[in-house]
C-alpha atoms as a PDB file:
ATOM      1  CA  MET A   1      72.582  98.678 198.371  1.00  0.00           C
ATOM      2  CA  THR A   2      71.787  95.142 197.329  1.00  0.00           C
ATOM      3  CA  ALA A   3      74.344  94.614 194.607  1.00  0.00           C
ATOM      4  CA  ARG A   4      76.254  91.384 194.236  1.00  0.00           C
ATOM      5  CA  PHE A   5      79.925  91.639 195.063  1.00  0.00           C
ATOM      6  CA  ARG A   6      82.160  89.989 192.513  1.00  0.00           C
ATOM      7  CA  LEU A   7      85.201  89.458 194.635  1.00  0.00           C
ATOM      8  CA  GLU A   8      86.951  87.220 192.182  1.00  0.00           C
ATOM      9  CA  GLY A   9      87.527  88.173 188.663  1.00  0.00           C
ATOM     10  CA  PRO A  10      89.260  90.864 186.695  1.00  0.00           C
ATOM     11  CA  TYR A  11      92.903  91.830 186.625  1.00  0.00           C
ATOM     12  CA  GLY A  12      94.177  88.391 187.601  1.00  0.00           C
ATOM     13  CA  PHE A  13      93.033  88.570 191.205  1.00  0.00           C
ATOM     14  CA  SER A  14      91.653  85.289 192.465  1.00  0.00           C
ATOM     15  CA  GLY A  15      91.984  85.882 196.194  1.00  0.00           C
ATOM     16  CA  ALA A  16      93.949  82.678 196.560  1.00  0.00           C
ATOM     17  CA  GLU A  17      97.475  84.074 196.316  1.00  0.00           C
ATOM     18  CA  ASN A  18      99.977  83.199 198.978  1.00  0.00           C
ATOM     19  CA  ALA A  19     101.686  86.430 199.977  1.00  0.00           C
ATOM     20  CA  ARG A  20     104.700  84.620 201.404  1.00  0.00           C
ATOM     21  CA  LEU A  21     105.479  82.997 198.059  1.00  0.00           C
ATOM     22  CA  THR A  22     105.607  86.362 196.306  1.00  0.00           C
ATOM     23  CA  GLY A  23     107.708  88.018 199.022  1.00  0.00           C
ATOM     24  CA  GLU A  24     104.900  90.305 200.087  1.00  0.00           C
ATOM     25  CA  THR A  25     104.574  91.325 203.729  1.00  0.00           C
ATOM     26  CA  CYS A  26     101.308  90.851 205.564  1.00  0.00           C
ATOM     27  CA  ALA A  27     100.684  94.613 205.587  1.00  0.00           C
ATOM     28  CA  GLU A  28     101.268  94.911 201.822  1.00  0.00           C
ATOM     29  CA  HIS A  29      98.974  91.974 201.142  1.00  0.00           C
ATOM     30  CA  THR A  30      96.235  93.446 203.336  1.00  0.00           C
ATOM     31  CA  ALA A  31      96.604  96.851 201.666  1.00  0.00           C
ATOM     32  CA  ARG A  32      96.301  95.228 198.232  1.00  0.00           C
ATOM     33  CA  ASP A  33      93.220  93.329 199.365  1.00  0.00           C
ATOM     34  CA  PHE A  34      91.600  96.526 200.674  1.00  0.00           C
ATOM     35  CA  ALA A  35      92.436  98.364 197.445  1.00  0.00           C
ATOM     36  CA  TYR A  36      90.792  95.549 195.486  1.00  0.00           C
ATOM     37  CA  CYS A  37      87.720  95.664 197.750  1.00  0.00           C
ATOM     38  CA  GLU A  38      87.484  99.422 197.157  1.00  0.00           C
ATOM     39  CA  LEU A  39      87.317  98.702 193.410  1.00  0.00           C
ATOM     40  CA  VAL A  40      84.664  96.033 193.958  1.00  0.00           C
ATOM     41  CA  VAL A  41      82.477  98.386 196.006  1.00  0.00           C
ATOM     42  CA  ALA A  42      82.901 101.253 193.521  1.00  0.00           C
ATOM     43  CA  ARG A  43      81.993  98.959 190.609  1.00  0.00           C
ATOM     44  CA  ALA A  44      78.955  97.611 192.477  1.00  0.00           C
ATOM     45  CA  GLU A  45      77.871 101.180 193.179  1.00  0.00           C
ATOM     46  CA  MET A  46      78.222 102.165 189.529  1.00  0.00           C
ATOM     47  CA  ASP A  47      76.353  99.017 188.439  1.00  0.00           C
ATOM     48  CA  PHE A  48      73.547  99.846 190.856  1.00  0.00           C
ATOM     49  CA  LEU A  49      73.312 103.361 189.418  1.00  0.00           C
ATOM     50  CA  ARG A  50      73.460 101.870 185.895  1.00  0.00           C
ATOM     51  CA  ALA A  51      76.179 104.346 185.049  1.00  0.00           C
ATOM     52  CA  TYR A  52      77.211 102.225 182.067  1.00  0.00           C
ATOM     53  CA  ARG A  53      74.370 103.812 180.109  1.00  0.00           C
ATOM     54  CA  LYS A  54      76.143 107.177 179.973  1.00  0.00           C
ATOM     55  CA  CYS A  55      79.735 106.007 180.372  1.00  0.00           C
ATOM     56  CA  PRO A  56      82.141 107.381 177.752  1.00  0.00           C
ATOM     57  CA  ASP A  57      83.966 104.029 177.781  1.00  0.00           C
ATOM     58  CA  GLY A  58      82.431 101.832 175.081  1.00  0.00           C
ATOM     59  CA  ALA A  59      83.474  98.605 176.822  1.00  0.00           C
ATOM     60  CA  CYS A  60      81.245  99.393 179.802  1.00  0.00           C
ATOM     61  CA  ARG A  61      78.295 100.134 177.528  1.00  0.00           C
ATOM     62  CA  ARG A  62      78.780  96.890 175.595  1.00  0.00           C
ATOM     63  CA  ALA A  63      79.097  94.778 178.753  1.00  0.00           C
ATOM     64  CA  ARG A  64      76.266  96.685 180.443  1.00  0.00           C
ATOM     65  CA  ARG A  65      78.236  96.923 183.664  1.00  0.00           C
ATOM     66  CA  CYS A  66      81.178  98.855 185.033  1.00  0.00           C
ATOM     67  CA  LEU A  67      84.442  97.290 183.899  1.00  0.00           C
ATOM     68  CA  GLY A  68      87.311  99.587 184.625  1.00  0.00           C
ATOM     69  CA  PRO A  69      89.020 101.056 187.629  1.00  0.00           C
ATOM     70  CA  GLU A  70      89.238 104.419 185.836  1.00  0.00           C
ATOM     71  CA  PHE A  71      85.556 105.246 186.468  1.00  0.00           C
ATOM     72  CA  SER A  72      85.519 107.674 183.559  1.00  0.00           C
ATOM     73  CA  CYS A  73      81.758 108.017 184.011  1.00  0.00           C
ATOM     74  CA  ARG A  74      82.417 109.823 187.301  1.00  0.00           C
ATOM     75  CA  ALA A  75      84.752 112.339 185.712  1.00  0.00           C
ATOM     76  CA  ASP A  76      81.955 114.669 184.629  1.00  0.00           C
ATOM     77  CA  ASN A  77      80.058 114.276 187.930  1.00  0.00           C
ATOM     78  CA  SER A  78      76.940 113.135 186.104  1.00  0.00           C
ATOM     79  CA  ASN A  79      76.708 110.154 188.473  1.00  0.00           C
ATOM     80  CA  PRO A  80      76.406 111.177 192.101  1.00  0.00           C
ATOM     81  CA  ARG A  81      77.794 108.977 194.816  1.00  0.00           C
ATOM     82  CA  LEU A  82      75.302 106.513 196.184  1.00  0.00           C
ATOM     83  CA  LEU A  83      77.135 105.779 199.405  1.00  0.00           C
ATOM     84  CA  GLY A  84      78.362 108.287 201.939  1.00  0.00           C
ATOM     85  CA  PHE A  85      81.825 108.136 203.456  1.00  0.00           C
ATOM     86  CA  LEU A  86      80.842 105.886 206.366  1.00  0.00           C
ATOM     87  CA  GLU A  87      78.601 103.616 204.309  1.00  0.00           C
ATOM     88  CA  GLN A  88      81.318 103.134 201.724  1.00  0.00           C
ATOM     89  CA  GLY A  89      83.809 102.229 204.458  1.00  0.00           C
ATOM     90  CA  ALA A  90      81.364  99.705 205.894  1.00  0.00           C
ATOM     91  CA  ALA A  91      80.777  98.197 202.438  1.00  0.00           C
ATOM     92  CA  ILE A  92      84.541  97.881 201.870  1.00  0.00           C
ATOM     93  CA  ASP A  93      84.925  96.199 205.259  1.00  0.00           C
ATOM     94  CA  PHE A  94      82.098  93.822 204.379  1.00  0.00           C
ATOM     95  CA  ALA A  95      83.724  92.972 201.051  1.00  0.00           C
ATOM     96  CA  TYR A  96      87.060  92.372 202.797  1.00  0.00           C
ATOM     97  CA  ASP A  97      85.402  90.105 205.372  1.00  0.00           C
ATOM     98  CA  GLU A  98      83.682  88.208 202.566  1.00  0.00           C
ATOM     99  CA  LEU A  99      87.022  87.799 200.783  1.00  0.00           C
ATOM    100  CA  GLN A 100      88.584  86.403 203.960  1.00  0.00           C
ATOM    101  CA  ARG A 101      85.632  84.055 204.468  1.00  0.00           C
ATOM    102  CA  MET A 102      85.971  82.764 200.909  1.00  0.00           C
ATOM    103  CA  ARG A 103      89.685  82.133 201.450  1.00  0.00           C
ATOM    104  CA  LEU A 104      88.986  80.245 204.672  1.00  0.00           C
ATOM    105  CA  LEU A 105      86.365  78.089 202.945  1.00  0.00           C
ATOM    106  CA  ARG A 106      88.787  77.370 200.110  1.00  0.00           C
ATOM    107  CA  LYS A 107      91.458  76.378 202.621  1.00  0.00           C
ATOM    108  CA  GLN A 108      89.044  74.066 204.441  1.00  0.00           C
ATOM    109  CA  MET A 109      88.003  72.445 201.157  1.00  0.00           C
ATOM    110  CA  ARG A 110      91.648  71.784 200.271  1.00  0.00           C
ATOM    111  CA  GLU A 111      92.252  70.252 203.697  1.00  0.00           C
ATOM    112  CA  ARG A 112      89.259  67.954 203.247  1.00  0.00           C
ATOM    113  CA  GLU A 113      90.593  66.821 199.881  1.00  0.00           C
ATOM    114  CA  TRP A 114      93.935  65.887 201.429  1.00  0.00           C
ATOM    115  CA  ALA A 115      92.393  64.127 204.428  1.00  0.00           C
END
Protein backbone atom coordinates (compact mmCIF):
# COMPACT_ATOMS: atom_id res chain seq x y z
CA MET A 1 0.00 0.00 0.00
CA THR A 2 1.56 3.26 -1.09
CA ALA A 3 -0.80 5.74 0.49
CA ARG A 4 0.40 8.88 2.18
CA PHE A 5 -0.04 8.91 5.93
CA ARG A 6 -1.51 12.11 7.25
CA LEU A 7 -0.34 11.90 10.80
CA GLU A 8 -1.27 15.42 11.69
CA GLY A 9 -4.64 16.81 11.13
CA PRO A 10 -8.19 16.14 12.16
CA TYR A 11 -9.74 16.11 15.60
CA GLY A 12 -7.23 18.52 17.11
CA PHE A 13 -4.34 16.08 17.16
CA SER A 14 -1.05 17.69 16.24
CA GLY A 15 1.32 15.13 17.72
CA ALA A 16 3.06 17.84 19.70
CA GLU A 17 1.15 17.55 22.97
CA ASN A 18 3.07 17.19 26.18
CA ALA A 19 1.43 14.38 28.12
CA ARG A 20 2.86 15.57 31.43
CA LEU A 21 1.13 18.94 31.12
CA THR A 22 -2.27 17.30 30.69
CA GLY A 23 -1.75 14.82 33.54
CA GLU A 24 -1.64 11.85 31.21
CA THR A 25 0.57 8.88 32.05
CA CYS A 26 3.05 7.57 29.52
CA ALA A 27 0.94 4.45 28.94
CA GLU A 28 -2.23 6.50 28.32
CA HIS A 29 -0.39 8.78 25.92
CA THR A 30 1.05 5.82 24.01
CA ALA A 31 -2.37 4.15 23.84
CA ARG A 32 -3.89 7.37 22.47
CA ASP A 33 -1.12 7.63 19.90
CA PHE A 34 -1.68 4.03 18.78
CA ALA A 35 -5.44 4.59 18.56
CA TYR A 36 -4.79 7.64 16.38
CA CYS A 37 -2.39 5.65 14.18
CA GLU A 38 -5.07 2.97 13.77
CA LEU A 39 -7.41 5.67 12.44
CA VAL A 40 -4.72 6.96 10.09
CA VAL A 41 -4.06 3.49 8.65
CA ALA A 42 -7.78 2.73 8.28
CA ARG A 43 -8.36 6.06 6.50
CA ALA A 44 -5.38 5.47 4.20
CA GLU A 45 -6.75 2.02 3.40
CA MET A 46 -10.19 3.42 2.59
CA ASP A 47 -8.63 6.18 0.47
CA PHE A 48 -6.62 3.59 -1.44
CA LEU A 49 -9.78 1.59 -2.11
CA ARG A 50 -11.57 4.83 -3.07
CA ALA A 51 -14.39 3.88 -0.75
CA TYR A 52 -15.60 7.48 -0.71
CA ARG A 53 -17.34 6.80 -4.02
CA LYS A 54 -19.93 4.55 -2.38
CA CYS A 55 -19.81 5.94 1.16
CA PRO A 56 -23.21 6.82 2.62
CA ASP A 57 -21.61 9.81 4.36
CA GLY A 58 -21.93 12.82 2.05
CA ALA A 59 -18.91 14.58 3.58
CA CYS A 60 -16.59 11.81 2.40
CA ARG A 61 -18.02 11.97 -1.11
CA ARG A 62 -17.63 15.75 -1.26
CA ALA A 63 -14.04 15.66 0.03
CA ARG A 64 -13.22 12.63 -2.13
CA ARG A 65 -11.43 10.96 0.75
CA CYS A 66 -12.30 9.20 3.98
CA LEU A 67 -13.01 11.73 6.72
CA GLY A 68 -14.58 10.03 9.68
CA PRO A 69 -13.63 7.46 12.24
CA GLU A 70 -17.08 5.87 11.89
CA PHE A 71 -16.19 4.14 8.60
CA SER A 72 -19.85 3.88 7.65
CA CYS A 73 -18.79 2.63 4.22
CA ARG A 74 -17.57 -0.58 5.88
CA ALA A 75 -20.87 -1.21 7.60
CA ASP A 76 -22.41 -2.97 4.61
CA ASN A 77 -19.21 -4.93 3.84
CA SER A 78 -19.12 -3.56 0.31
CA ASN A 79 -15.47 -2.61 0.83
CA PRO A 80 -13.28 -5.57 1.68
CA ARG A 81 -10.24 -5.13 3.85
CA LEU A 82 -7.09 -4.44 1.91
CA LEU A 83 -4.67 -5.36 4.66
CA GLY A 84 -4.59 -8.58 6.62
CA PHE A 85 -4.21 -8.67 10.38
CA LEU A 86 -0.40 -8.75 10.36
CA GLU A 87 -0.02 -6.19 7.58
CA GLN A 88 -2.35 -3.80 9.35
CA GLY A 89 -0.35 -4.18 12.57
CA ALA A 90 2.87 -3.47 10.70
CA ALA A 91 1.33 -0.39 9.06
CA ILE A 92 0.15 0.91 12.45
CA ASP A 93 3.64 0.36 13.88
CA PHE A 94 5.12 2.21 10.91
CA ALA A 95 2.72 5.12 11.41
CA TYR A 96 3.58 5.23 15.13
CA ASP A 97 7.31 5.22 14.36
CA GLU A 98 6.77 8.02 11.84
CA LEU A 99 4.85 10.01 14.45
CA GLN A 100 7.71 9.59 16.93
CA ARG A 101 10.25 10.59 14.28
CA MET A 102 8.27 13.74 13.49
CA ARG A 103 8.14 14.64 17.18
CA LEU A 104 11.89 14.14 17.53
CA LEU A 105 12.55 16.35 14.49
CA ARG A 106 10.24 19.02 15.90
CA LYS A 107 12.08 18.87 19.23
CA GLN A 108 15.46 19.19 17.50
CA MET A 109 14.22 22.18 15.48
CA ARG A 110 13.05 23.91 18.66
CA GLU A 111 16.42 23.27 20.31
CA ARG A 112 18.22 24.78 17.32
CA GLU A 113 16.04 27.87 17.53
CA TRP A 114 16.94 28.36 21.19
CA ALA A 115 20.66 27.73 20.66
